[in-house]
Amino acid sequence: STNLMGWYRQAPGKQRELVATISK
């Protein structure tokens, strides 16, 4: 129900990053 949803990814040894977002 939150407006913005996203997919994140985390590669070994790296920080989690946001790769894609979609609004409601």
PDB file of all heavy atoms in Angstrom:
ATOM      1  N   SER A   1       0.823  -1.200   0.000  1.00  0.00           N
ATOM      2  CA  SER A   1       0.000   0.000   0.000  1.00  0.00           C
ATOM      3  C   SER A   1       0.863   1.257   0.000  1.00  0.00           C
ATOM      4  O   SER A   1       0.370   2.336  -0.322  1.00  0.00           O
ATOM      5  CB  SER A   1      -0.929   0.006   1.209  1.00  0.00           C
ATOM      6  OG  SER A   1      -0.175   0.067   2.406  1.00  0.00           O
ATOM      7  N   THR A   2       2.127   1.098   0.350  1.00  0.00           N
ATOM      8  CA  THR A   2       3.061   2.222   0.273  1.00  0.00           C
ATOM      9  C   THR A   2       3.209   2.645  -1.176  1.00  0.00           C
ATOM     10  O   THR A   2       3.176   1.826  -2.075  1.00  0.00           O
ATOM     11  CB  THR A   2       4.421   1.812   0.838  1.00  0.00           C
ATOM     12  OG1 THR A   2       4.258   1.413   2.181  1.00  0.00           O
ATOM     13  CG2 THR A   2       5.418   2.942   0.752  1.00  0.00           C
ATOM     14  N   ASN A   3       3.396   3.895  -1.421  1.00  0.00           N
ATOM     15  CA  ASN A   3       3.438   4.385  -2.784  1.00  0.00           C
ATOM     16  C   ASN A   3       4.557   3.766  -3.618  1.00  0.00           C
ATOM     17  O   ASN A   3       4.314   3.228  -4.699  1.00  0.00           O
ATOM     18  CB  ASN A   3       3.603   5.902  -2.779  1.00  0.00           C
ATOM     19  CG  ASN A   3       3.586   6.483  -4.181  1.00  0.00           C
ATOM     20  OD1 ASN A   3       2.801   6.056  -5.021  1.00  0.00           O
ATOM     21  ND2 ASN A   3       4.441   7.427  -4.447  1.00  0.00           N
ATOM     22  N   LEU A   4       5.764   3.822  -3.113  1.00  0.00           N
ATOM     23  CA  LEU A   4       6.901   3.432  -3.932  1.00  0.00           C
ATOM     24  C   LEU A   4       7.481   2.088  -3.477  1.00  0.00           C
ATOM     25  O   LEU A   4       7.764   1.899  -2.309  1.00  0.00           O
ATOM     26  CB  LEU A   4       7.982   4.510  -3.838  1.00  0.00           C
ATOM     27  CG  LEU A   4       8.965   4.637  -4.994  1.00  0.00           C
ATOM     28  CD1 LEU A   4       8.229   4.896  -6.300  1.00  0.00           C
ATOM     29  CD2 LEU A   4       9.943   5.774  -4.706  1.00  0.00           C
ATOM     30  N   MET A   5       7.590   1.152  -4.433  1.00  0.00           N
ATOM     31  CA  MET A   5       8.222  -0.140  -4.178  1.00  0.00           C
ATOM     32  C   MET A   5       9.463  -0.248  -5.053  1.00  0.00           C
ATOM     33  O   MET A   5       9.550   0.380  -6.115  1.00  0.00           O
ATOM     34  CB  MET A   5       7.274  -1.285  -4.503  1.00  0.00           C
ATOM     35  CG  MET A   5       6.094  -1.398  -3.571  1.00  0.00           C
ATOM     36  SD  MET A   5       6.574  -1.886  -1.890  1.00  0.00           S
ATOM     37  CE  MET A   5       7.258  -3.524  -2.162  1.00  0.00           C
ATOM     38  N   GLY A   6      10.399  -1.072  -4.618  1.00  0.00           N
ATOM     39  CA  GLY A   6      11.629  -1.195  -5.394  1.00  0.00           C
ATOM     40  C   GLY A   6      12.287  -2.540  -5.273  1.00  0.00           C
ATOM     41  O   GLY A   6      11.974  -3.317  -4.365  1.00  0.00           O
ATOM     42  N   TRP A   7      13.167  -2.833  -6.218  1.00  0.00           N
ATOM     43  CA  TRP A   7      14.054  -3.991  -6.144  1.00  0.00           C
ATOM     44  C   TRP A   7      15.466  -3.484  -5.855  1.00  0.00           C
ATOM     45  O   TRP A   7      15.938  -2.529  -6.494  1.00  0.00           O
ATOM     46  CB  TRP A   7      14.040  -4.771  -7.452  1.00  0.00           C
ATOM     47  CG  TRP A   7      12.865  -5.685  -7.578  1.00  0.00           C
ATOM     48  CD1 TRP A   7      11.671  -5.414  -8.194  1.00  0.00           C
ATOM     49  CD2 TRP A   7      12.760  -7.013  -7.070  1.00  0.00           C
ATOM     50  NE1 TRP A   7      10.834  -6.499  -8.096  1.00  0.00           N
ATOM     51  CE2 TRP A   7      11.475  -7.498  -7.409  1.00  0.00           C
ATOM     52  CE3 TRP A   7      13.616  -7.859  -6.356  1.00  0.00           C
ATOM     53  CZ2 TRP A   7      11.023  -8.777  -7.066  1.00  0.00           C
ATOM     54  CZ3 TRP A   7      13.181  -9.126  -6.027  1.00  0.00           C
ATOM     55  CH2 TRP A   7      11.910  -9.572  -6.375  1.00  0.00           C
ATOM     56  N   TYR A   8      16.082  -4.142  -4.904  1.00  0.00           N
ATOM     57  CA  TYR A   8      17.449  -3.839  -4.519  1.00  0.00           C
ATOM     58  C   TYR A   8      18.305  -5.066  -4.819  1.00  0.00           C
ATOM     59  O   TYR A   8      17.786  -6.176  -4.948  1.00  0.00           O
ATOM     60  CB  TYR A   8      17.539  -3.556  -3.018  1.00  0.00           C
ATOM     61  CG  TYR A   8      16.721  -2.406  -2.507  1.00  0.00           C
ATOM     62  CD1 TYR A   8      15.338  -2.499  -2.364  1.00  0.00           C
ATOM     63  CD2 TYR A   8      17.333  -1.216  -2.102  1.00  0.00           C
ATOM     64  CE1 TYR A   8      14.589  -1.442  -1.867  1.00  0.00           C
ATOM     65  CE2 TYR A   8      16.595  -0.159  -1.592  1.00  0.00           C
ATOM     66  CZ  TYR A   8      15.222  -0.282  -1.466  1.00  0.00           C
ATOM     67  OH  TYR A   8      14.497   0.765  -0.958  1.00  0.00           O
ATOM     68  N   ARG A   9      19.607  -4.873  -4.850  1.00  0.00           N
ATOM     69  CA  ARG A   9      20.502  -6.027  -4.967  1.00  0.00           C
ATOM     70  C   ARG A   9      21.773  -5.765  -4.181  1.00  0.00           C
ATOM     71  O   ARG A   9      22.166  -4.615  -3.983  1.00  0.00           O
ATOM     72  CB  ARG A   9      20.835  -6.333  -6.424  1.00  0.00           C
ATOM     73  CG  ARG A   9      21.699  -5.289  -7.137  1.00  0.00           C
ATOM     74  CD  ARG A   9      21.866  -5.677  -8.602  1.00  0.00           C
ATOM     75  NE  ARG A   9      22.698  -4.712  -9.318  1.00  0.00           N
ATOM     76  CZ  ARG A   9      22.886  -4.744 -10.633  1.00  0.00           C
ATOM     77  NH1 ARG A   9      22.291  -5.693 -11.379  1.00  0.00           N
ATOM     78  NH2 ARG A   9      23.666  -3.848 -11.210  1.00  0.00           N
ATOM     79  N   GLN A  10      22.374  -6.859  -3.743  1.00  0.00           N
ATOM     80  CA  GLN A  10      23.631  -6.762  -3.016  1.00  0.00           C
ATOM     81  C   GLN A  10      24.585  -7.833  -3.531  1.00  0.00           C
ATOM     82  O   GLN A  10      24.313  -9.029  -3.382  1.00  0.00           O
ATOM     83  CB  GLN A  10      23.424  -6.917  -1.514  1.00  0.00           C
ATOM     84  CG  GLN A  10      24.675  -6.680  -0.701  1.00  0.00           C
ATOM     85  CD  GLN A  10      24.394  -6.517   0.777  1.00  0.00           C
ATOM     86  OE1 GLN A  10      23.356  -6.950   1.282  1.00  0.00           O
ATOM     87  NE2 GLN A  10      25.307  -5.879   1.481  1.00  0.00           N
ATOM     88  N   ALA A  11      25.660  -7.383  -4.138  1.00  0.00           N
ATOM     89  CA  ALA A  11      26.696  -8.287  -4.624  1.00  0.00           C
ATOM     90  C   ALA A  11      27.701  -8.538  -3.503  1.00  0.00           C
ATOM     91  O   ALA A  11      27.834  -7.726  -2.582  1.00  0.00           O
ATOM     92  CB  ALA A  11      27.388  -7.682  -5.841  1.00  0.00           C
ATOM     93  N   PRO A  12      28.431  -9.638  -3.563  1.00  0.00           N
ATOM     94  CA  PRO A  12      29.426  -9.939  -2.521  1.00  0.00           C
ATOM     95  C   PRO A  12      30.418  -8.807  -2.342  1.00  0.00           C
ATOM     96  O   PRO A  12      30.991  -8.298  -3.311  1.00  0.00           O
ATOM     97  CB  PRO A  12      30.110 -11.201  -3.057  1.00  0.00           C
ATOM     98  CG  PRO A  12      29.103 -11.837  -3.945  1.00  0.00           C
ATOM     99  CD  PRO A  12      28.351 -10.708  -4.573  1.00  0.00           C
ATOM    100  N   GLY A  13      30.582  -8.377  -1.095  1.00  0.00           N
ATOM    101  CA  GLY A  13      31.551  -7.333  -0.791  1.00  0.00           C
ATOM    102  C   GLY A  13      31.111  -5.924  -1.146  1.00  0.00           C
ATOM    103  O   GLY A  13      31.894  -4.982  -1.034  1.00  0.00           O
ATOM    104  N   LYS A  14      29.863  -5.780  -1.582  1.00  0.00           N
ATOM    105  CA  LYS A  14      29.370  -4.452  -1.982  1.00  0.00           C
ATOM    106  C   LYS A  14      28.154  -4.072  -1.159  1.00  0.00           C
ATOM    107  O   LYS A  14      27.486  -4.917  -0.574  1.00  0.00           O
ATOM    108  CB  LYS A  14      29.030  -4.436  -3.467  1.00  0.00           C
ATOM    109  CG  LYS A  14      30.227  -4.617  -4.382  1.00  0.00           C
ATOM    110  CD  LYS A  14      29.844  -4.410  -5.830  1.00  0.00           C
ATOM    111  CE  LYS A  14      31.055  -4.516  -6.747  1.00  0.00           C
ATOM    112  NZ  LYS A  14      30.683  -4.295  -8.169  1.00  0.00           N
ATOM    113  N   GLN A  15      27.855  -2.782  -1.157  1.00  0.00           N
ATOM    114  CA  GLN A  15      26.667  -2.306  -0.466  1.00  0.00           C
ATOM    115  C   GLN A  15      25.421  -2.624  -1.274  1.00  0.00           C
ATOM    116  O   GLN A  15      25.461  -2.756  -2.501  1.00  0.00           O
ATOM    117  CB  GLN A  15      26.775  -0.795  -0.243  1.00  0.00           C
ATOM    118  CG  GLN A  15      27.789  -0.393   0.813  1.00  0.00           C
ATOM    119  CD  GLN A  15      27.677   1.074   1.183  1.00  0.00           C
ATOM    120  OE1 GLN A  15      27.255   1.893   0.369  1.00  0.00           O
ATOM    121  NE2 GLN A  15      28.048   1.411   2.399  1.00  0.00           N
ATOM    122  N   ARG A  16      24.315  -2.744  -0.563  1.00  0.00           N
ATOM    123  CA  ARG A  16      23.040  -2.953  -1.229  1.00  0.00           C
ATOM    124  C   ARG A  16      22.711  -1.723  -2.058  1.00  0.00           C
ATOM    125  O   ARG A  16      22.879  -0.586  -1.599  1.00  0.00           O
ATOM    126  CB  ARG A  16      21.955  -3.210  -0.198  1.00  0.00           C
ATOM    127  CG  ARG A  16      20.643  -3.680  -0.757  1.00  0.00           C
ATOM    128  CD  ARG A  16      19.727  -4.081   0.402  1.00  0.00           C
ATOM    129  NE  ARG A  16      20.193  -5.291   1.049  1.00  0.00           N
ATOM    130  CZ  ARG A  16      19.808  -5.687   2.257  1.00  0.00           C
ATOM    131  NH1 ARG A  16      18.971  -4.940   2.955  1.00  0.00           N
ATOM    132  NH2 ARG A  16      20.266  -6.797   2.776  1.00  0.00           N
ATOM    133  N   GLU A  17      22.222  -1.932  -3.285  1.00  0.00           N
ATOM    134  CA  GLU A  17      21.877  -0.806  -4.147  1.00  0.00           C
ATOM    135  C   GLU A  17      20.459  -0.973  -4.686  1.00  0.00           C
ATOM    136  O   GLU A  17      19.973  -2.083  -4.888  1.00  0.00           O
ATOM    137  CB  GLU A  17      22.868  -0.700  -5.319  1.00  0.00           C
ATOM    138  CG  GLU A  17      22.866  -1.890  -6.256  1.00  0.00           C
ATOM    139  CD  GLU A  17      23.706  -1.669  -7.506  1.00  0.00           C
ATOM    140  OE1 GLU A  17      23.963  -0.511  -7.879  1.00  0.00           O
ATOM    141  OE2 GLU A  17      24.087  -2.682  -8.128  1.00  0.00           O
ATOM    142  N   LEU A  18      19.837   0.158  -4.940  1.00  0.00           N
ATOM    143  CA  LEU A  18      18.488   0.174  -5.495  1.00  0.00           C
ATOM    144  C   LEU A  18      18.599   0.119  -7.014  1.00  0.00           C
ATOM    145  O   LEU A  18      19.295   0.937  -7.607  1.00  0.00           O
ATOM    146  CB  LEU A  18      17.771   1.446  -5.053  1.00  0.00           C
ATOM    147  CG  LEU A  18      16.354   1.670  -5.531  1.00  0.00           C
ATOM    148  CD1 LEU A  18      15.421   0.581  -5.018  1.00  0.00           C
ATOM    149  CD2 LEU A  18      15.865   3.046  -5.070  1.00  0.00           C
ATOM    150  N   VAL A  19      17.906  -0.835  -7.647  1.00  0.00           N
ATOM    151  CA  VAL A  19      18.041  -0.969  -9.100  1.00  0.00           C
ATOM    152  C   VAL A  19      16.809  -0.532  -9.876  1.00  0.00           C
ATOM    153  O   VAL A  19      16.919  -0.129 -11.032  1.00  0.00           O
ATOM    154  CB  VAL A  19      18.428  -2.404  -9.514  1.00  0.00           C
ATOM    155  CG1 VAL A  19      19.796  -2.774  -8.972  1.00  0.00           C
ATOM    156  CG2 VAL A  19      17.397  -3.421  -9.058  1.00  0.00           C
ATOM    157  N   ALA A  20      15.637  -0.604  -9.255  1.00  0.00           N
ATOM    158  CA  ALA A  20      14.434  -0.206  -9.983  1.00  0.00           C
ATOM    159  C   ALA A  20      13.330   0.140  -8.993  1.00  0.00           C
ATOM    160  O   ALA A  20      13.250  -0.464  -7.922  1.00  0.00           O
ATOM    161  CB  ALA A  20      13.963  -1.325 -10.914  1.00  0.00           C
ATOM    162  N   THR A  21      12.507   1.097  -9.364  1.00  0.00           N
ATOM    163  CA  THR A  21      11.389   1.503  -8.523  1.00  0.00           C
ATOM    164  C   THR A  21      10.115   1.598  -9.345  1.00  0.00           C
ATOM    165  O   THR A  21      10.159   1.797 -10.572  1.00  0.00           O
ATOM    166  CB  THR A  21      11.643   2.865  -7.865  1.00  0.00           C
ATOM    167  OG1 THR A  21      11.722   3.874  -8.893  1.00  0.00           O
ATOM    168  CG2 THR A  21      12.926   2.875  -7.065  1.00  0.00           C
ATOM    169  N   ILE A  22       8.977   1.466  -8.644  1.00  0.00           N
ATOM    170  CA  ILE A  22       7.686   1.622  -9.303  1.00  0.00           C
ATOM    171  C   ILE A  22       6.712   2.244  -8.320  1.00  0.00           C
ATOM    172  O   ILE A  22       6.633   1.835  -7.162  1.00  0.00           O
ATOM    173  CB  ILE A  22       7.163   0.279  -9.849  1.00  0.00           C
ATOM    174  CG1 ILE A  22       5.865   0.485 -10.628  1.00  0.00           C
ATOM    175  CG2 ILE A  22       6.988  -0.756  -8.737  1.00  0.00           C
ATOM    176  CD1 ILE A  22       5.453  -0.718 -11.477  1.00  0.00           C
ATOM    177  N   SER A  23       5.996   3.254  -8.770  1.00  0.00           N
ATOM    178  CA  SER A  23       5.009   3.909  -7.927  1.00  0.00           C
ATOM    179  C   SER A  23       3.710   3.113  -7.936  1.00  0.00           C
ATOM    180  O   SER A  23       3.524   2.191  -8.739  1.00  0.00           O
ATOM    181  CB  SER A  23       4.759   5.329  -8.422  1.00  0.00           C
ATOM    182  OG  SER A  23       4.012   5.292  -9.628  1.00  0.00           O
ATOM    183  N   LYS A  24       2.790   3.514  -7.086  1.00  0.00           N
ATOM    184  CA  LYS A  24       1.509   2.811  -7.013  1.00  0.00           C
ATOM    185  C   LYS A  24       0.722   2.980  -8.319  1.00  0.00           C
ATOM    186  O   LYS A  24      -0.087   2.124  -8.675  1.00  0.00           O
ATOM    187  CB  LYS A  24       0.701   3.346  -5.837  1.00  0.00           C
ATOM    188  CG  LYS A  24      -0.428   2.442  -5.399  1.00  0.00           C
ATOM    189  CD  LYS A  24      -1.003   2.898  -4.076  1.00  0.00           C
ATOM    190  CE  LYS A  24      -2.063   1.938  -3.582  1.00  0.00           C
ATOM    191  NZ  LYS A  24      -2.607   2.345  -2.266  1.00  0.00           N
TER     192      LYS A  24
END
